[in-house]
């Protein structure tokens, strides 16, 4: 089972499509105000496999080459726009490998 962490902007309804995985949120973990670098470190330390975020600047702000956690960036955070693609997003999340990085945009 993959452990997935939703960053602050990630639409929580997406977790329904990830029911086979363990999904937590930054807010649930008390990390709502934690900066990106510290969030990545906390998530890795806590055993998360994947971070789903809407922060498209993450790869420019952090050195991701040494990270074990996979990162899936949603290029939009609007749930009504994402919902029709939730199954595809979940499939992408499930296919992510340790240390991987992918930006998902609607087709």
Foldseek 3Di string as FASTA:
>chain_A
DAEEEEEPLADPVLVVLVVVYHYYYCVNVVNNPPDDVVVQVVCVVVPHQEYEYQPPCSVVVDPLQPFFHEYEHEVDSDCVVCVVVSNVVSVVVVPDGTSHYYYDYDD
